[in-house]
Amino acid sequence: MEELGLELTRLRKASGLTLRRVEAAIGVSNAYLSQLETGKIKTPSPNTLFKLSQLFGGSYEDLMAKAGYPVPQSQSRQVPETVSRLAARVGEVSSSEADALADYLKFLRQQRAE
């Protein structure tokens, strides 16, 4: 679980927060948080991990996985935003339309490269 501790430390520092500020924000003692970061506490509750992910703007699923909890593949992989925007603009496409779109995109990229 050292990986979890390192990630929590990285996220906290990137957020510019001290252990005491995290304590005040989520209601978990700074001593407990320190033990999480050093790996002395191996199995934090999912609730604590959720609060930390919300505060730090990190991925709850990533923290759960680093803590050793099972995380379904479908939740750990998110669709990139550009794909979501494209799908919203185009709507449902058939398999042959998807192939044609992919071919056209390859053509456009090739034209830009030349």
PDB file of N, CA and C in Angstrom:
ATOM      1  N   MET A   1       0.804  -1.197   0.000  1.00  0.00           N
ATOM      2  CA  MET A   1       0.000   0.000   0.000  1.00  0.00           C
ATOM      3  C   MET A   1       0.852   1.269   0.000  1.00  0.00           C
ATOM      4  N   GLU A   2       2.170   1.097  -0.103  1.00  0.00           N
ATOM      5  CA  GLU A   2       3.040   2.263  -0.177  1.00  0.00           C
ATOM      6  C   GLU A   2       2.671   3.126  -1.371  1.00  0.00           C
ATOM      7  N   GLU A   3       2.236   2.481  -2.452  1.00  0.00           N
ATOM      8  CA  GLU A   3       1.839   3.212  -3.646  1.00  0.00           C
ATOM      9  C   GLU A   3       0.673   4.150  -3.333  1.00  0.00           C
ATOM     10  N   LEU A   4      -0.268   3.696  -2.516  1.00  0.00           N
ATOM     11  CA  LEU A   4      -1.387   4.543  -2.111  1.00  0.00           C
ATOM     12  C   LEU A   4      -0.878   5.743  -1.322  1.00  0.00           C
ATOM     13  N   GLY A   5      -0.007   5.500  -0.370  1.00  0.00           N
ATOM     14  CA  GLY A   5       0.529   6.588   0.442  1.00  0.00           C
ATOM     15  C   GLY A   5       1.246   7.632  -0.397  1.00  0.00           C
ATOM     16  N   LEU A   6       2.052   7.159  -1.335  1.00  0.00           N
ATOM     17  CA  LEU A   6       2.760   8.094  -2.216  1.00  0.00           C
ATOM     18  C   LEU A   6       1.790   8.910  -3.061  1.00  0.00           C
ATOM     19  N   GLU A   7       0.748   8.248  -3.553  1.00  0.00           N
ATOM     20  CA  GLU A   7      -0.247   8.953  -4.369  1.00  0.00           C
ATOM     21  C   GLU A   7      -1.004   9.981  -3.539  1.00  0.00           C
ATOM     22  N   LEU A   8      -1.374   9.620  -2.326  1.00  0.00           N
ATOM     23  CA  LEU A   8      -2.082  10.575  -1.466  1.00  0.00           C
ATOM     24  C   LEU A   8      -1.203  11.780  -1.147  1.00  0.00           C
ATOM     25  N   THR A   9       0.059  11.523  -0.871  1.00  0.00           N
ATOM     26  CA  THR A   9       0.991  12.627  -0.602  1.00  0.00           C
ATOM     27  C   THR A   9       1.124  13.519  -1.824  1.00  0.00           C
ATOM     28  N   ARG A  10       1.263  12.903  -2.994  1.00  0.00           N
ATOM     29  CA  ARG A  10       1.396  13.675  -4.229  1.00  0.00           C
ATOM     30  C   ARG A  10       0.161  14.538  -4.484  1.00  0.00           C
ATOM     31  N   LEU A  11      -1.013  13.939  -4.335  1.00  0.00           N
ATOM     32  CA  LEU A  11      -2.252  14.675  -4.567  1.00  0.00           C
ATOM     33  C   LEU A  11      -2.425  15.825  -3.570  1.00  0.00           C
ATOM     34  N   ARG A  12      -2.113  15.551  -2.317  1.00  0.00           N
ATOM     35  CA  ARG A  12      -2.256  16.594  -1.286  1.00  0.00           C
ATOM     36  C   ARG A  12      -1.327  17.760  -1.566  1.00  0.00           C
ATOM     37  N   LYS A  13      -0.072  17.455  -1.869  1.00  0.00           N
ATOM     38  CA  LYS A  13       0.898  18.521  -2.134  1.00  0.00           C
ATOM     39  C   LYS A  13       0.542  19.289  -3.405  1.00  0.00           C
ATOM     40  N   ALA A  14       0.072  18.574  -4.423  1.00  0.00           N
ATOM     41  CA  ALA A  14      -0.339  19.236  -5.665  1.00  0.00           C
ATOM     42  C   ALA A  14      -1.522  20.171  -5.424  1.00  0.00           C
ATOM     43  N   SER A  15      -2.340  19.830  -4.428  1.00  0.00           N
ATOM     44  CA  SER A  15      -3.483  20.679  -4.072  1.00  0.00           C
ATOM     45  C   SER A  15      -3.068  21.838  -3.166  1.00  0.00           C
ATOM     46  N   GLY A  16      -1.811  21.814  -2.701  1.00  0.00           N
ATOM     47  CA  GLY A  16      -1.321  22.878  -1.829  1.00  0.00           C
ATOM     48  C   GLY A  16      -1.894  22.827  -0.427  1.00  0.00           C
ATOM     49  N   LEU A  17      -2.251  21.630   0.028  1.00  0.00           N
ATOM     50  CA  LEU A  17      -2.886  21.495   1.333  1.00  0.00           C
ATOM     51  C   LEU A  17      -1.953  20.858   2.351  1.00  0.00           C
ATOM     52  N   THR A  18      -2.095  21.287   3.602  1.00  0.00           N
ATOM     53  CA  THR A  18      -1.395  20.638   4.704  1.00  0.00           C
ATOM     54  C   THR A  18      -2.295  19.540   5.249  1.00  0.00           C
ATOM     55  N   LEU A  19      -1.708  18.672   6.065  1.00  0.00           N
ATOM     56  CA  LEU A  19      -2.514  17.619   6.696  1.00  0.00           C
ATOM     57  C   LEU A  19      -3.621  18.231   7.556  1.00  0.00           C
ATOM     58  N   ARG A  20      -3.324  19.323   8.232  1.00  0.00           N
ATOM     59  CA  ARG A  20      -4.337  19.975   9.080  1.00  0.00           C
ATOM     60  C   ARG A  20      -5.488  20.547   8.252  1.00  0.00           C
ATOM     61  N   ARG A  21      -5.180  21.067   7.087  1.00  0.00           N
ATOM     62  CA  ARG A  21      -6.264  21.599   6.221  1.00  0.00           C
ATOM     63  C   ARG A  21      -7.132  20.473   5.666  1.00  0.00           C
ATOM     64  N   VAL A  22      -6.484  19.360   5.345  1.00  0.00           N
ATOM     65  CA  VAL A  22      -7.250  18.196   4.881  1.00  0.00           C
ATOM     66  C   VAL A  22      -8.145  17.711   6.014  1.00  0.00           C
ATOM     67  N   GLU A  23      -7.607  17.667   7.221  1.00  0.00           N
ATOM     68  CA  GLU A  23      -8.382  17.262   8.390  1.00  0.00           C
ATOM     69  C   GLU A  23      -9.625  18.140   8.538  1.00  0.00           C
ATOM     70  N   ALA A  24      -9.434  19.437   8.445  1.00  0.00           N
ATOM     71  CA  ALA A  24     -10.561  20.364   8.590  1.00  0.00           C
ATOM     72  C   ALA A  24     -11.585  20.197   7.467  1.00  0.00           C
ATOM     73  N   ALA A  25     -11.112  19.893   6.283  1.00  0.00           N
ATOM     74  CA  ALA A  25     -12.002  19.791   5.129  1.00  0.00           C
ATOM     75  C   ALA A  25     -12.843  18.530   5.117  1.00  0.00           C
ATOM     76  N   ILE A  26     -12.260  17.395   5.541  1.00  0.00           N
ATOM     77  CA  ILE A  26     -13.003  16.135   5.413  1.00  0.00           C
ATOM     78  C   ILE A  26     -13.314  15.459   6.740  1.00  0.00           C
ATOM     79  N   GLY A  27     -12.802  16.013   7.853  1.00  0.00           N
ATOM     80  CA  GLY A  27     -13.136  15.455   9.153  1.00  0.00           C
ATOM     81  C   GLY A  27     -12.398  14.178   9.514  1.00  0.00           C
ATOM     82  N   VAL A  28     -11.223  13.965   8.934  1.00  0.00           N
ATOM     83  CA  VAL A  28     -10.383  12.820   9.271  1.00  0.00           C
ATOM     84  C   VAL A  28      -9.128  13.386   9.922  1.00  0.00           C
ATOM     85  N   SER A  29      -8.729  12.819  11.068  1.00  0.00           N
ATOM     86  CA  SER A  29      -7.610  13.394  11.822  1.00  0.00           C
ATOM     87  C   SER A  29      -6.325  13.425  11.008  1.00  0.00           C
ATOM     88  N   ASN A  30      -5.516  14.452  11.272  1.00  0.00           N
ATOM     89  CA  ASN A  30      -4.257  14.571  10.536  1.00  0.00           C
ATOM     90  C   ASN A  30      -3.311  13.427  10.891  1.00  0.00           C
ATOM     91  N   ALA A  31      -3.432  12.876  12.087  1.00  0.00           N
ATOM     92  CA  ALA A  31      -2.606  11.724  12.469  1.00  0.00           C
ATOM     93  C   ALA A  31      -2.959  10.514  11.597  1.00  0.00           C
ATOM     94  N   TYR A  32      -4.245  10.289  11.390  1.00  0.00           N
ATOM     95  CA  TYR A  32      -4.694   9.192  10.535  1.00  0.00           C
ATOM     96  C   TYR A  32      -4.213   9.415   9.101  1.00  0.00           C
ATOM     97  N   LEU A  33      -4.350  10.655   8.624  1.00  0.00           N
ATOM     98  CA  LEU A  33      -3.913  10.978   7.267  1.00  0.00           C
ATOM     99  C   LEU A  33      -2.413  10.746   7.100  1.00  0.00           C
ATOM    100  N   SER A  34      -1.644  11.125   8.116  1.00  0.00           N
ATOM    101  CA  SER A  34      -0.208  10.911   8.082  1.00  0.00           C
ATOM    102  C   SER A  34       0.111   9.423   7.999  1.00  0.00           C
ATOM    103  N   GLN A  35      -0.615   8.616   8.753  1.00  0.00           N
ATOM    104  CA  GLN A  35      -0.397   7.169   8.723  1.00  0.00           C
ATOM    105  C   GLN A  35      -0.797   6.574   7.374  1.00  0.00           C
ATOM    106  N   LEU A  36      -1.796   7.145   6.742  1.00  0.00           N
ATOM    107  CA  LEU A  36      -2.160   6.709   5.388  1.00  0.00           C
ATOM    108  C   LEU A  36      -1.012   6.994   4.424  1.00  0.00           C
ATOM    109  N   GLU A  37      -0.474   8.213   4.512  1.00  0.00           N
ATOM    110  CA  GLU A  37       0.577   8.616   3.592  1.00  0.00           C
ATOM    111  C   GLU A  37       1.868   7.818   3.789  1.00  0.00           C
ATOM    112  N   THR A  38       2.153   7.421   5.027  1.00  0.00           N
ATOM    113  CA  THR A  38       3.379   6.652   5.284  1.00  0.00           C
ATOM    114  C   THR A  38       3.179   5.160   5.098  1.00  0.00           C
ATOM    115  N   GLY A  39       1.947   4.727   4.854  1.00  0.00           N
ATOM    116  CA  GLY A  39       1.667   3.315   4.629  1.00  0.00           C
ATOM    117  C   GLY A  39       1.466   2.512   5.901  1.00  0.00           C
ATOM    118  N   LYS A  40       1.386   3.175   7.050  1.00  0.00           N
ATOM    119  CA  LYS A  40       1.154   2.454   8.305  1.00  0.00           C
ATOM    120  C   LYS A  40      -0.267   1.923   8.382  1.00  0.00           C
ATOM    121  N   ILE A  41      -1.192   2.649   7.769  1.00  0.00           N
ATOM    122  CA  ILE A  41      -2.573   2.161   7.666  1.00  0.00           C
ATOM    123  C   ILE A  41      -2.722   1.599   6.261  1.00  0.00           C
ATOM    124  N   LYS A  42      -3.046   0.326   6.197  1.00  0.00           N
ATOM    125  CA  LYS A  42      -3.059  -0.383   4.920  1.00  0.00           C
ATOM    126  C   LYS A  42      -4.424  -0.427   4.238  1.00  0.00           C
ATOM    127  N   THR A  43      -5.497  -0.347   5.027  1.00  0.00           N
ATOM    128  CA  THR A  43      -6.827  -0.489   4.434  1.00  0.00           C
ATOM    129  C   THR A  43      -7.753   0.651   4.859  1.00  0.00           C
ATOM    130  N   PRO A  44      -7.589   1.812   4.271  1.00  0.00           N
ATOM    131  CA  PRO A  44      -8.505   2.910   4.583  1.00  0.00           C
ATOM    132  C   PRO A  44      -9.896   2.580   4.061  1.00  0.00           C
ATOM    133  N   SER A  45     -10.892   3.177   4.667  1.00  0.00           N
ATOM    134  CA  SER A  45     -12.260   2.899   4.237  1.00  0.00           C
ATOM    135  C   SER A  45     -12.525   3.527   2.872  1.00  0.00           C
ATOM    136  N   PRO A  46     -13.393   2.909   2.094  1.00  0.00           N
ATOM    137  CA  PRO A  46     -13.781   3.515   0.820  1.00  0.00           C
ATOM    138  C   PRO A  46     -14.351   4.923   1.010  1.00  0.00           C
ATOM    139  N   ASN A  47     -15.044   5.163   2.122  1.00  0.00           N
ATOM    140  CA  ASN A  47     -15.597   6.479   2.391  1.00  0.00           C
ATOM    141  C   ASN A  47     -14.488   7.523   2.520  1.00  0.00           C
ATOM    142  N   THR A  48     -13.421   7.171   3.232  1.00  0.00           N
ATOM    143  CA  THR A  48     -12.290   8.093   3.386  1.00  0.00           C
ATOM    144  C   THR A  48     -11.623   8.345   2.037  1.00  0.00           C
ATOM    145  N   LEU A  49     -11.445   7.294   1.265  1.00  0.00           N
ATOM    146  CA  LEU A  49     -10.837   7.457  -0.057  1.00  0.00           C
ATOM    147  C   LEU A  49     -11.705   8.326  -0.960  1.00  0.00           C
ATOM    148  N   PHE A  50     -13.018   8.182  -0.837  1.00  0.00           N
ATOM    149  CA  PHE A  50     -13.921   9.012  -1.643  1.00  0.00           C
ATOM    150  C   PHE A  50     -13.775  10.481  -1.264  1.00  0.00           C
ATOM    151  N   LYS A  51     -13.767  10.768   0.039  1.00  0.00           N
ATOM    152  CA  LYS A  51     -13.617  12.155   0.498  1.00  0.00           C
ATOM    153  C   LYS A  51     -12.300  12.747   0.011  1.00  0.00           C
ATOM    154  N   LEU A  52     -11.222  11.976   0.103  1.00  0.00           N
ATOM    155  CA  LEU A  52      -9.922  12.462  -0.352  1.00  0.00           C
ATOM    156  C   LEU A  52      -9.913  12.703  -1.856  1.00  0.00           C
ATOM    157  N   SER A  53     -10.507  11.806  -2.612  1.00  0.00           N
ATOM    158  CA  SER A  53     -10.531  11.981  -4.071  1.00  0.00           C
ATOM    159  C   SER A  53     -11.321  13.230  -4.450  1.00  0.00           C
ATOM    160  N   GLN A  54     -12.408  13.482  -3.738  1.00  0.00           N
ATOM    161  CA  GLN A  54     -13.202  14.675  -4.008  1.00  0.00           C
ATOM    162  C   GLN A  54     -12.421  15.945  -3.671  1.00  0.00           C
ATOM    163  N   LEU A  55     -11.761  15.940  -2.537  1.00  0.00           N
ATOM    164  CA  LEU A  55     -11.000  17.104  -2.105  1.00  0.00           C
ATOM    165  C   LEU A  55      -9.830  17.387  -3.035  1.00  0.00           C
ATOM    166  N   PHE A  56      -9.112  16.347  -3.430  1.00  0.00           N
ATOM    167  CA  PHE A  56      -7.917  16.510  -4.255  1.00  0.00           C
ATOM    168  C   PHE A  56      -8.224  16.582  -5.746  1.00  0.00           C
ATOM    169  N   GLY A  57      -9.438  16.225  -6.141  1.00  0.00           N
ATOM    170  CA  GLY A  57      -9.770  16.198  -7.562  1.00  0.00           C
ATOM    171  C   GLY A  57      -9.131  15.016  -8.272  1.00  0.00           C
ATOM    172  N   GLY A  58      -8.825  13.962  -7.513  1.00  0.00           N
ATOM    173  CA  GLY A  58      -8.230  12.757  -8.093  1.00  0.00           C
ATOM    174  C   GLY A  58      -9.285  11.724  -8.422  1.00  0.00           C
ATOM    175  N   SER A  59      -8.835  10.604  -8.909  1.00  0.00           N
ATOM    176  CA  SER A  59      -9.738   9.525  -9.297  1.00  0.00           C
ATOM    177  C   SER A  59     -10.011   8.599  -8.105  1.00  0.00           C
ATOM    178  N   TYR A  60     -11.268   8.495  -7.750  1.00  0.00           N
ATOM    179  CA  TYR A  60     -11.684   7.591  -6.667  1.00  0.00           C
ATOM    180  C   TYR A  60     -11.328   6.149  -7.015  1.00  0.00           C
ATOM    181  N   GLU A  61     -11.565   5.766  -8.268  1.00  0.00           N
ATOM    182  CA  GLU A  61     -11.273   4.400  -8.695  1.00  0.00           C
ATOM    183  C   GLU A  61      -9.785   4.095  -8.581  1.00  0.00           C
ATOM    184  N   ASP A  62      -8.937   5.056  -8.940  1.00  0.00           N
ATOM    185  CA  ASP A  62      -7.495   4.841  -8.833  1.00  0.00           C
ATOM    186  C   ASP A  62      -7.077   4.652  -7.379  1.00  0.00           C
ATOM    187  N   LEU A  63      -7.616   5.472  -6.486  1.00  0.00           N
ATOM    188  CA  LEU A  63      -7.280   5.331  -5.069  1.00  0.00           C
ATOM    189  C   LEU A  63      -7.765   3.992  -4.529  1.00  0.00           C
ATOM    190  N   MET A  64      -8.954   3.590  -4.926  1.00  0.00           N
ATOM    191  CA  MET A  64      -9.489   2.295  -4.480  1.00  0.00           C
ATOM    192  C   MET A  64      -8.572   1.162  -4.953  1.00  0.00           C
ATOM    193  N   ALA A  65      -8.142   1.215  -6.197  1.00  0.00           N
ATOM    194  CA  ALA A  65      -7.270   0.179  -6.744  1.00  0.00           C
ATOM    195  C   ALA A  65      -5.929   0.165  -6.014  1.00  0.00           C
ATOM    196  N   LYS A  66      -5.382   1.327  -5.731  1.00  0.00           N
ATOM    197  CA  LYS A  66      -4.095   1.406  -5.029  1.00  0.00           C
ATOM    198  C   LYS A  66      -4.214   0.914  -3.590  1.00  0.00           C
ATOM    199  N   ALA A  67      -5.414   0.995  -3.022  1.00  0.00           N
ATOM    200  CA  ALA A  67      -5.646   0.504  -1.662  1.00  0.00           C
ATOM    201  C   ALA A  67      -5.908  -1.003  -1.649  1.00  0.00           C
ATOM    202  N   GLY A  68      -5.982  -1.605  -2.833  1.00  0.00           N
ATOM    203  CA  GLY A  68      -6.183  -3.046  -2.900  1.00  0.00           C
ATOM    204  C   GLY A  68      -7.627  -3.484  -3.055  1.00  0.00           C
ATOM    205  N   TYR A  69      -8.537  -2.530  -3.244  1.00  0.00           N
ATOM    206  CA  TYR A  69      -9.939  -2.877  -3.456  1.00  0.00           C
ATOM    207  C   TYR A  69     -10.160  -3.245  -4.917  1.00  0.00           C
ATOM    208  N   PRO A  70     -11.049  -4.200  -5.190  1.00  0.00           N
ATOM    209  CA  PRO A  70     -11.334  -4.533  -6.595  1.00  0.00           C
ATOM    210  C   PRO A  70     -12.094  -3.392  -7.264  1.00  0.00           C
ATOM    211  N   VAL A  71     -11.688  -3.066  -8.464  1.00  0.00           N
ATOM    212  CA  VAL A  71     -12.339  -2.006  -9.233  1.00  0.00           C
ATOM    213  C   VAL A  71     -12.685  -2.578 -10.597  1.00  0.00           C
ATOM    214  N   PRO A  72     -13.970  -2.592 -10.957  1.00  0.00           N
ATOM    215  CA  PRO A  72     -14.355  -3.122 -12.267  1.00  0.00           C
ATOM    216  C   PRO A  72     -13.674  -2.340 -13.389  1.00  0.00           C
ATOM    217  N   GLN A  73     -13.279  -3.039 -14.425  1.00  0.00           N
ATOM    218  CA  GLN A  73     -12.612  -2.405 -15.566  1.00  0.00           C
ATOM    219  C   GLN A  73     -13.443  -1.285 -16.165  1.00  0.00           C
ATOM    220  N   SER A  74     -14.736  -1.482 -16.253  1.00  0.00           N
ATOM    221  CA  SER A  74     -15.578  -0.471 -16.898  1.00  0.00           C
ATOM    222  C   SER A  74     -15.550   0.850 -16.148  1.00  0.00           C
ATOM    223  N   GLN A  75     -15.324   0.827 -14.840  1.00  0.00           N
ATOM    224  CA  GLN A  75     -15.263   2.069 -14.083  1.00  0.00           C
ATOM    225  C   GLN A  75     -13.888   2.708 -14.129  1.00  0.00           C
ATOM    226  N   SER A  76     -12.845   1.913 -14.268  1.00  0.00           N
ATOM    227  CA  SER A  76     -11.504   2.470 -14.239  1.00  0.00           C
ATOM    228  C   SER A  76     -11.101   3.090 -15.574  1.00  0.00           C
ATOM    229  N   ARG A  77     -11.823   2.769 -16.641  1.00  0.00           N
ATOM    230  CA  ARG A  77     -11.521   3.352 -17.942  1.00  0.00           C
ATOM    231  C   ARG A  77     -12.656   4.269 -18.355  1.00  0.00           C
ATOM    232  N   GLN A  78     -12.347   5.531 -18.528  1.00  0.00           N
ATOM    233  CA  GLN A  78     -13.354   6.477 -18.947  1.00  0.00           C
ATOM    234  C   GLN A  78     -13.140   6.835 -20.414  1.00  0.00           C
ATOM    235  N   VAL A  79     -14.221   7.171 -21.080  1.00  0.00           N
ATOM    236  CA  VAL A  79     -14.148   7.572 -22.471  1.00  0.00           C
ATOM    237  C   VAL A  79     -13.540   8.974 -22.522  1.00  0.00           C
ATOM    238  N   PRO A  80     -12.534   9.186 -23.369  1.00  0.00           N
ATOM    239  CA  PRO A  80     -11.960  10.527 -23.481  1.00  0.00           C
ATOM    240  C   PRO A  80     -13.023  11.555 -23.857  1.00  0.00           C
ATOM    241  N   GLU A  81     -12.849  12.769 -23.374  1.00  0.00           N
ATOM    242  CA  GLU A  81     -13.844  13.827 -23.602  1.00  0.00           C
ATOM    243  C   GLU A  81     -14.059  14.104 -25.080  1.00  0.00           C
ATOM    244  N   THR A  82     -12.993  14.060 -25.876  1.00  0.00           N
ATOM    245  CA  THR A  82     -13.138  14.326 -27.307  1.00  0.00           C
ATOM    246  C   THR A  82     -14.015  13.278 -27.982  1.00  0.00           C
ATOM    247  N   VAL A  83     -13.915  12.040 -27.526  1.00  0.00           N
ATOM    248  CA  VAL A  83     -14.755  10.974 -28.084  1.00  0.00           C
ATOM    249  C   VAL A  83     -16.210  11.219 -27.708  1.00  0.00           C
ATOM    250  N   SER A  84     -16.452  11.618 -26.472  1.00  0.00           N
ATOM    251  CA  SER A  84     -17.817  11.906 -26.026  1.00  0.00           C
ATOM    252  C   SER A  84     -18.425  13.052 -26.821  1.00  0.00           C
ATOM    253  N   ARG A  85     -17.638  14.098 -27.060  1.00  0.00           N
ATOM    254  CA  ARG A  85     -18.152  15.247 -27.827  1.00  0.00           C
ATOM    255  C   ARG A  85     -18.463  14.847 -29.259  1.00  0.00           C
ATOM    256  N   LEU A  86     -17.589  14.048 -29.857  1.00  0.00           N
ATOM    257  CA  LEU A  86     -17.823  13.593 -31.231  1.00  0.00           C
ATOM    258  C   LEU A  86     -19.082  12.740 -31.303  1.00  0.00           C
ATOM    259  N   ALA A  87     -19.236  11.830 -30.357  1.00  0.00           N
ATOM    260  CA  ALA A  87     -20.420  10.971 -30.344  1.00  0.00           C
ATOM    261  C   ALA A  87     -21.693  11.789 -30.179  1.00  0.00           C
ATOM    262  N   ALA A  88     -21.639  12.834 -29.364  1.00  0.00           N
ATOM    263  CA  ALA A  88     -22.811  13.684 -29.164  1.00  0.00           C
ATOM    264  C   ALA A  88     -23.169  14.431 -30.446  1.00  0.00           C
ATOM    265  N   ARG A  89     -22.163  14.826 -31.212  1.00  0.00           N
ATOM    266  CA  ARG A  89     -22.415  15.565 -32.451  1.00  0.00           C
ATOM    267  C   ARG A  89     -22.910  14.670 -33.567  1.00  0.00           C
ATOM    268  N   VAL A  90     -22.386  13.461 -33.648  1.00  0.00           N
ATOM    269  CA  VAL A  90     -22.685  12.570 -34.771  1.00  0.00           C
ATOM    270  C   VAL A  90     -23.907  11.700 -34.504  1.00  0.00           C
ATOM    271  N   GLY A  91     -24.077  11.265 -33.269  1.00  0.00           N
ATOM    272  CA  GLY A  91     -25.176  10.371 -32.937  1.00  0.00           C
ATOM    273  C   GLY A  91     -24.821   8.928 -33.271  1.00  0.00           C
ATOM    274  N   GLU A  92     -25.823   8.085 -33.314  1.00  0.00           N
ATOM    275  CA  GLU A  92     -25.618   6.664 -33.609  1.00  0.00           C
ATOM    276  C   GLU A  92     -25.095   6.490 -35.031  1.00  0.00           C
ATOM    277  N   VAL A  93     -24.128   5.584 -35.176  1.00  0.00           N
ATOM    278  CA  VAL A  93     -23.603   5.269 -36.506  1.00  0.00           C
ATOM    279  C   VAL A  93     -23.574   3.755 -36.678  1.00  0.00           C
ATOM    280  N   SER A  94     -23.733   3.353 -37.927  1.00  0.00           N
ATOM    281  CA  SER A  94     -23.641   1.923 -38.223  1.00  0.00           C
ATOM    282  C   SER A  94     -22.174   1.536 -38.264  1.00  0.00           C
ATOM    283  N   SER A  95     -21.922   0.268 -38.331  1.00  0.00           N
ATOM    284  CA  SER A  95     -20.546  -0.217 -38.386  1.00  0.00           C
ATOM    285  C   SER A  95     -19.854   0.254 -39.658  1.00  0.00           C
ATOM    286  N   SER A  96     -20.567   0.260 -40.786  1.00  0.00           N
ATOM    287  CA  SER A  96     -19.957   0.721 -42.039  1.00  0.00           C
ATOM    288  C   SER A  96     -19.713   2.233 -41.999  1.00  0.00           C
ATOM    289  N   GLU A  97     -20.603   2.993 -41.354  1.00  0.00           N
ATOM    290  CA  GLU A  97     -20.379   4.435 -41.197  1.00  0.00           C
ATOM    291  C   GLU A  97     -19.169   4.707 -40.305  1.00  0.00           C
ATOM    292  N   ALA A  98     -19.011   3.923 -39.251  1.00  0.00           N
ATOM    293  CA  ALA A  98     -17.862   4.082 -38.358  1.00  0.00           C
ATOM    294  C   ALA A  98     -16.568   3.815 -39.119  1.00  0.00           C
ATOM    295  N   ASP A  99     -16.563   2.783 -39.974  1.00  0.00           N
ATOM    296  CA  ASP A  99     -15.384   2.483 -40.785  1.00  0.00           C
ATOM    297  C   ASP A  99     -15.083   3.630 -41.745  1.00  0.00           C
ATOM    298  N   ALA A 100     -16.134   4.183 -42.363  1.00  0.00           N
ATOM    299  CA  ALA A 100     -15.950   5.289 -43.305  1.00  0.00           C
ATOM    300  C   ALA A 100     -15.421   6.534 -42.582  1.00  0.00           C
ATOM    301  N   LEU A 101     -15.945   6.802 -41.393  1.00  0.00           N
ATOM    302  CA  LEU A 101     -15.450   7.942 -40.614  1.00  0.00           C
ATOM    303  C   LEU A 101     -13.987   7.765 -40.235  1.00  0.00           C
ATOM    304  N   ALA A 102     -13.620   6.565 -39.834  1.00  0.00           N
ATOM    305  CA  ALA A 102     -12.227   6.292 -39.476  1.00  0.00           C
ATOM    306  C   ALA A 102     -11.321   6.472 -40.697  1.00  0.00           C
ATOM    307  N   ASP A 103     -11.762   5.990 -41.861  1.00  0.00           N
ATOM    308  CA  ASP A 103     -10.970   6.154 -43.086  1.00  0.00           C
ATOM    309  C   ASP A 103     -10.811   7.626 -43.439  1.00  0.00           C
ATOM    310  N   TYR A 104     -11.882   8.392 -43.306  1.00  0.00           N
ATOM    311  CA  TYR A 104     -11.830   9.821 -43.630  1.00  0.00           C
ATOM    312  C   TYR A 104     -10.902  10.563 -42.665  1.00  0.00           C
ATOM    313  N   LEU A 105     -10.948  10.205 -41.391  1.00  0.00           N
ATOM    314  CA  LEU A 105     -10.073  10.824 -40.412  1.00  0.00           C
ATOM    315  C   LEU A 105      -8.612  10.512 -40.726  1.00  0.00           C
ATOM    316  N   LYS A 106      -8.319   9.280 -41.106  1.00  0.00           N
ATOM    317  CA  LYS A 106      -6.959   8.915 -41.514  1.00  0.00           C
ATOM    318  C   LYS A 106      -6.524   9.754 -42.716  1.00  0.00           C
ATOM    319  N   PHE A 107      -7.436   9.925 -43.686  1.00  0.00           N
ATOM    320  CA  PHE A 107      -7.143  10.735 -44.866  1.00  0.00           C
ATOM    321  C   PHE A 107      -6.826  12.173 -44.474  1.00  0.00           C
ATOM    322  N   LEU A 108      -7.637  12.769 -43.613  1.00  0.00           N
ATOM    323  CA  LEU A 108      -7.403  14.153 -43.174  1.00  0.00           C
ATOM    324  C   LEU A 108      -6.066  14.300 -42.470  1.00  0.00           C
ATOM    325  N   ARG A 109      -5.740  13.352 -41.607  1.00  0.00           N
ATOM    326  CA  ARG A 109      -4.461  13.408 -40.896  1.00  0.00           C
ATOM    327  C   ARG A 109      -3.288  13.255 -41.864  1.00  0.00           C
ATOM    328  N   GLN A 110      -3.461  12.422 -42.854  1.00  0.00           N
ATOM    329  CA  GLN A 110      -2.398  12.220 -43.843  1.00  0.00           C
ATOM    330  C   GLN A 110      -2.197  13.503 -44.650  1.00  0.00           C
ATOM    331  N   GLN A 111      -3.275  14.193 -44.985  1.00  0.00           N
ATOM    332  CA  GLN A 111      -3.181  15.426 -45.753  1.00  0.00           C
ATOM    333  C   GLN A 111      -2.448  16.509 -44.946  1.00  0.00           C
ATOM    334  N   ARG A 112      -2.700  16.556 -43.662  1.00  0.00           N
ATOM    335  CA  ARG A 112      -2.035  17.554 -42.805  1.00  0.00           C
ATOM    336  C   ARG A 112      -0.553  17.266 -42.658  1.00  0.00           C
ATOM    337  N   ALA A 113      -0.196  15.991 -42.674  1.00  0.00           N
ATOM    338  CA  ALA A 113       1.200  15.583 -42.491  1.00  0.00           C
ATOM    339  C   ALA A 113       2.052  15.923 -43.715  1.00  0.00           C
ATOM    340  N   GLU A 114       1.423  16.036 -44.853  1.00  0.00           N
ATOM    341  CA  GLU A 114       2.180  16.287 -46.106  1.00  0.00           C
ATOM    342  C   GLU A 114       2.515  17.724 -46.297  1.00  0.00           C
TER     343      GLU A 114
END
